[in-house]
Amino acid sequence: MAEVPQNRPLKSYAAEPHNSIAAPAIDANNFELKPSLLSAVQQNQFSG
């Protein structure tokens, strides 16, 4: 792990270290979107 300097400004504690964040590889080729589901989503209005 990388060493953290002792005298850090307060704002640096709120920011996550970017070197430790890695997006996982996802291979999602095994799904199907049915036309009825697409039609239902297009016809409903979402309030939120």
PDB file of N, CA and C in Angstrom:
ATOM      1  N   MET A   1       0.825  -1.173   0.000  1.00  0.00           N
ATOM      2  CA  MET A   1       0.000   0.000   0.000  1.00  0.00           C
ATOM      3  C   MET A   1       0.877   1.247   0.000  1.00  0.00           C
ATOM      4  N   ALA A   2       0.403   2.287  -0.614  1.00  0.00           N
ATOM      5  CA  ALA A   2       1.162   3.528  -0.685  1.00  0.00           C
ATOM      6  C   ALA A   2       1.128   4.234   0.664  1.00  0.00           C
ATOM      7  N   GLU A   3       2.233   4.870   1.001  1.00  0.00           N
ATOM      8  CA  GLU A   3       2.290   5.610   2.256  1.00  0.00           C
ATOM      9  C   GLU A   3       1.542   6.924   2.124  1.00  0.00           C
ATOM     10  N   VAL A   4       0.841   7.286   3.175  1.00  0.00           N
ATOM     11  CA  VAL A   4       0.073   8.525   3.201  1.00  0.00           C
ATOM     12  C   VAL A   4       0.852   9.532   4.035  1.00  0.00           C
ATOM     13  N   PRO A   5       1.082  10.736   3.525  1.00  0.00           N
ATOM     14  CA  PRO A   5       1.792  11.738   4.320  1.00  0.00           C
ATOM     15  C   PRO A   5       1.014  12.088   5.589  1.00  0.00           C
ATOM     16  N   GLN A   6       1.722  12.386   6.665  1.00  0.00           N
ATOM     17  CA  GLN A   6       1.081  12.667   7.949  1.00  0.00           C
ATOM     18  C   GLN A   6       0.352  14.009   7.959  1.00  0.00           C
ATOM     19  N   ASN A   7       0.879  15.008   7.290  1.00  0.00           N
ATOM     20  CA  ASN A   7       0.272  16.340   7.296  1.00  0.00           C
ATOM     21  C   ASN A   7      -0.537  16.548   6.025  1.00  0.00           C
ATOM     22  N   ARG A   8      -1.717  15.942   5.988  1.00  0.00           N
ATOM     23  CA  ARG A   8      -2.585  16.069   4.814  1.00  0.00           C
ATOM     24  C   ARG A   8      -3.626  17.143   5.068  1.00  0.00           C
ATOM     25  N   PRO A   9      -4.008  17.883   4.026  1.00  0.00           N
ATOM     26  CA  PRO A   9      -5.121  18.819   4.203  1.00  0.00           C
ATOM     27  C   PRO A   9      -6.424  18.049   4.413  1.00  0.00           C
ATOM     28  N   LEU A  10      -7.369  18.670   5.089  1.00  0.00           N
ATOM     29  CA  LEU A  10      -8.627  18.014   5.436  1.00  0.00           C
ATOM     30  C   LEU A  10      -9.393  17.564   4.202  1.00  0.00           C
ATOM     31  N   LYS A  11      -9.354  18.339   3.109  1.00  0.00           N
ATOM     32  CA  LYS A  11     -10.110  17.975   1.908  1.00  0.00           C
ATOM     33  C   LYS A  11      -9.590  16.696   1.259  1.00  0.00           C
ATOM     34  N   SER A  12      -8.349  16.319   1.516  1.00  0.00           N
ATOM     35  CA  SER A  12      -7.815  15.101   0.908  1.00  0.00           C
ATOM     36  C   SER A  12      -8.408  13.840   1.534  1.00  0.00           C
ATOM     37  N   TYR A  13      -8.969  13.942   2.740  1.00  0.00           N
ATOM     38  CA  TYR A  13      -9.604  12.778   3.360  1.00  0.00           C
ATOM     39  C   TYR A  13     -10.957  12.475   2.719  1.00  0.00           C
ATOM     40  N   ALA A  14     -11.577  13.451   2.085  1.00  0.00           N
ATOM     41  CA  ALA A  14     -12.876  13.256   1.456  1.00  0.00           C
ATOM     42  C   ALA A  14     -12.751  12.652   0.068  1.00  0.00           C
ATOM     43  N   ALA A  15     -11.595  12.762  -0.563  1.00  0.00           N
ATOM     44  CA  ALA A  15     -11.398  12.241  -1.917  1.00  0.00           C
ATOM     45  C   ALA A  15     -10.807  10.840  -1.836  1.00  0.00           C
ATOM     46  N   GLU A  16     -11.391   9.920  -2.580  1.00  0.00           N
ATOM     47  CA  GLU A  16     -10.887   8.555  -2.575  1.00  0.00           C
ATOM     48  C   GLU A  16      -9.609   8.470  -3.418  1.00  0.00           C
ATOM     49  N   PRO A  17      -8.701   7.587  -3.050  1.00  0.00           N
ATOM     50  CA  PRO A  17      -7.485   7.424  -3.855  1.00  0.00           C
ATOM     51  C   PRO A  17      -7.822   6.717  -5.168  1.00  0.00           C
ATOM     52  N   HIS A  18      -7.473   7.318  -6.274  1.00  0.00           N
ATOM     53  CA  HIS A  18      -7.852   6.776  -7.575  1.00  0.00           C
ATOM     54  C   HIS A  18      -7.027   5.558  -7.972  1.00  0.00           C
ATOM     55  N   ASN A  19      -5.890   5.363  -7.371  1.00  0.00           N
ATOM     56  CA  ASN A  19      -5.062   4.235  -7.773  1.00  0.00           C
ATOM     57  C   ASN A  19      -5.584   2.902  -7.239  1.00  0.00           C
ATOM     58  N   SER A  20      -6.501   2.914  -6.273  1.00  0.00           N
ATOM     59  CA  SER A  20      -7.001   1.662  -5.725  1.00  0.00           C
ATOM     60  C   SER A  20      -8.376   1.279  -6.269  1.00  0.00           C
ATOM     61  N   ILE A  21      -8.917   2.079  -7.179  1.00  0.00           N
ATOM     62  CA  ILE A  21     -10.243   1.798  -7.722  1.00  0.00           C
ATOM     63  C   ILE A  21     -10.081   1.158  -9.095  1.00  0.00           C
ATOM     64  N   ALA A  22     -10.618  -0.046  -9.254  1.00  0.00           N
ATOM     65  CA  ALA A  22     -10.551  -0.729 -10.536  1.00  0.00           C
ATOM     66  C   ALA A  22     -11.930  -1.280 -10.863  1.00  0.00           C
ATOM     67  N   ALA A  23     -12.397  -1.018 -12.062  1.00  0.00           N
ATOM     68  CA  ALA A  23     -13.696  -1.532 -12.487  1.00  0.00           C
ATOM     69  C   ALA A  23     -13.558  -3.009 -12.850  1.00  0.00           C
ATOM     70  N   PRO A  24     -14.451  -3.843 -12.367  1.00  0.00           N
ATOM     71  CA  PRO A  24     -14.369  -5.262 -12.711  1.00  0.00           C
ATOM     72  C   PRO A  24     -14.780  -5.499 -14.160  1.00  0.00           C
ATOM     73  N   ALA A  25     -14.182  -6.492 -14.765  1.00  0.00           N
ATOM     74  CA  ALA A  25     -14.539  -6.855 -16.134  1.00  0.00           C
ATOM     75  C   ALA A  25     -15.819  -7.690 -16.091  1.00  0.00           C
ATOM     76  N   ILE A  26     -16.839  -7.247 -16.810  1.00  0.00           N
ATOM     77  CA  ILE A  26     -18.124  -7.948 -16.821  1.00  0.00           C
ATOM     78  C   ILE A  26     -18.436  -8.342 -18.252  1.00  0.00           C
ATOM     79  N   ASP A  27     -18.648  -9.620 -18.463  1.00  0.00           N
ATOM     80  CA  ASP A  27     -18.996 -10.119 -19.784  1.00  0.00           C
ATOM     81  C   ASP A  27     -20.453 -10.573 -19.734  1.00  0.00           C
ATOM     82  N   ALA A  28     -21.376  -9.657 -20.054  1.00  0.00           N
ATOM     83  CA  ALA A  28     -22.806  -9.945 -19.952  1.00  0.00           C
ATOM     84  C   ALA A  28     -23.389 -10.150 -21.343  1.00  0.00           C
ATOM     85  N   ASN A  29     -23.236 -11.345 -21.854  1.00  0.00           N
ATOM     86  CA  ASN A  29     -23.768 -11.672 -23.178  1.00  0.00           C
ATOM     87  C   ASN A  29     -24.924 -12.660 -23.096  1.00  0.00           C
ATOM     88  N   ASN A  30     -25.380 -12.961 -21.901  1.00  0.00           N
ATOM     89  CA  ASN A  30     -26.392 -14.000 -21.742  1.00  0.00           C
ATOM     90  C   ASN A  30     -27.712 -13.436 -21.213  1.00  0.00           C
ATOM     91  N   PHE A  31     -28.185 -12.340 -21.784  1.00  0.00           N
ATOM     92  CA  PHE A  31     -29.470 -11.796 -21.376  1.00  0.00           C
ATOM     93  C   PHE A  31     -30.297 -11.468 -22.610  1.00  0.00           C
ATOM     94  N   GLU A  32     -31.602 -11.325 -22.394  1.00  0.00           N
ATOM     95  CA  GLU A  32     -32.510 -11.051 -23.504  1.00  0.00           C
ATOM     96  C   GLU A  32     -33.516  -9.997 -23.054  1.00  0.00           C
ATOM     97  N   LEU A  33     -33.707  -8.980 -23.869  1.00  0.00           N
ATOM     98  CA  LEU A  33     -34.724  -7.972 -23.601  1.00  0.00           C
ATOM     99  C   LEU A  33     -35.952  -8.304 -24.440  1.00  0.00           C
ATOM    100  N   LYS A  34     -37.040  -8.592 -23.761  1.00  0.00           N
ATOM    101  CA  LYS A  34     -38.253  -8.972 -24.471  1.00  0.00           C
ATOM    102  C   LYS A  34     -38.995  -7.722 -24.928  1.00  0.00           C
ATOM    103  N   PRO A  35     -39.623  -7.764 -26.099  1.00  0.00           N
ATOM    104  CA  PRO A  35     -40.347  -6.594 -26.615  1.00  0.00           C
ATOM    105  C   PRO A  35     -41.442  -6.105 -25.674  1.00  0.00           C
ATOM    106  N   SER A  36     -42.104  -6.995 -24.959  1.00  0.00           N
ATOM    107  CA  SER A  36     -43.162  -6.570 -24.039  1.00  0.00           C
ATOM    108  C   SER A  36     -42.591  -5.735 -22.889  1.00  0.00           C
ATOM    109  N   LEU A  37     -41.407  -6.061 -22.435  1.00  0.00           N
ATOM    110  CA  LEU A  37     -40.772  -5.283 -21.378  1.00  0.00           C
ATOM    111  C   LEU A  37     -40.394  -3.899 -21.883  1.00  0.00           C
ATOM    112  N   LEU A  38     -39.839  -3.819 -23.078  1.00  0.00           N
ATOM    113  CA  LEU A  38     -39.480  -2.527 -23.659  1.00  0.00           C
ATOM    114  C   LEU A  38     -40.713  -1.661 -23.855  1.00  0.00           C
ATOM    115  N   SER A  39     -41.783  -2.254 -24.313  1.00  0.00           N
ATOM    116  CA  SER A  39     -43.015  -1.511 -24.526  1.00  0.00           C
ATOM    117  C   SER A  39     -43.581  -0.998 -23.203  1.00  0.00           C
ATOM    118  N   ALA A  40     -43.530  -1.798 -22.141  1.00  0.00           N
ATOM    119  CA  ALA A  40     -44.038  -1.376 -20.835  1.00  0.00           C
ATOM    120  C   ALA A  40     -43.219  -0.220 -20.275  1.00  0.00           C
ATOM    121  N   VAL A  41     -41.921  -0.261 -20.451  1.00  0.00           N
ATOM    122  CA  VAL A  41     -41.061   0.812 -19.947  1.00  0.00           C
ATOM    123  C   VAL A  41     -41.303   2.096 -20.721  1.00  0.00           C
ATOM    124  N   GLN A  42     -41.514   2.002 -22.013  1.00  0.00           N
ATOM    125  CA  GLN A  42     -41.726   3.192 -22.827  1.00  0.00           C
ATOM    126  C   GLN A  42     -43.076   3.842 -22.532  1.00  0.00           C
ATOM    127  N   GLN A  43     -44.078   3.070 -22.141  1.00  0.00           N
ATOM    128  CA  GLN A  43     -45.411   3.610 -21.914  1.00  0.00           C
ATOM    129  C   GLN A  43     -45.605   4.170 -20.506  1.00  0.00           C
ATOM    130  N   ASN A  44     -44.799   3.760 -19.545  1.00  0.00           N
ATOM    131  CA  ASN A  44     -44.938   4.246 -18.165  1.00  0.00           C
ATOM    132  C   ASN A  44     -44.062   5.468 -17.952  1.00  0.00           C
ATOM    133  N   GLN A  45     -44.621   6.448 -17.239  1.00  0.00           N
ATOM    134  CA  GLN A  45     -43.834   7.626 -16.874  1.00  0.00           C
ATOM    135  C   GLN A  45     -43.335   7.435 -15.452  1.00  0.00           C
ATOM    136  N   PHE A  46     -42.068   7.674 -15.277  1.00  0.00           N
ATOM    137  CA  PHE A  46     -41.471   7.520 -13.959  1.00  0.00           C
ATOM    138  C   PHE A  46     -41.474   8.867 -13.259  1.00  0.00           C
ATOM    139  N   SER A  47     -41.918   8.886 -12.027  1.00  0.00           N
ATOM    140  CA  SER A  47     -41.889  10.129 -11.251  1.00  0.00           C
ATOM    141  C   SER A  47     -40.932   9.921 -10.087  1.00  0.00           C
ATOM    142  N   GLY A  48     -39.906  10.694 -10.060  1.00  0.00           N
ATOM    143  CA  GLY A  48     -38.958  10.512  -8.974  1.00  0.00           C
ATOM    144  C   GLY A  48     -37.832  11.343  -9.117  1.00  0.00           C
TER     145      GLY A  48
END
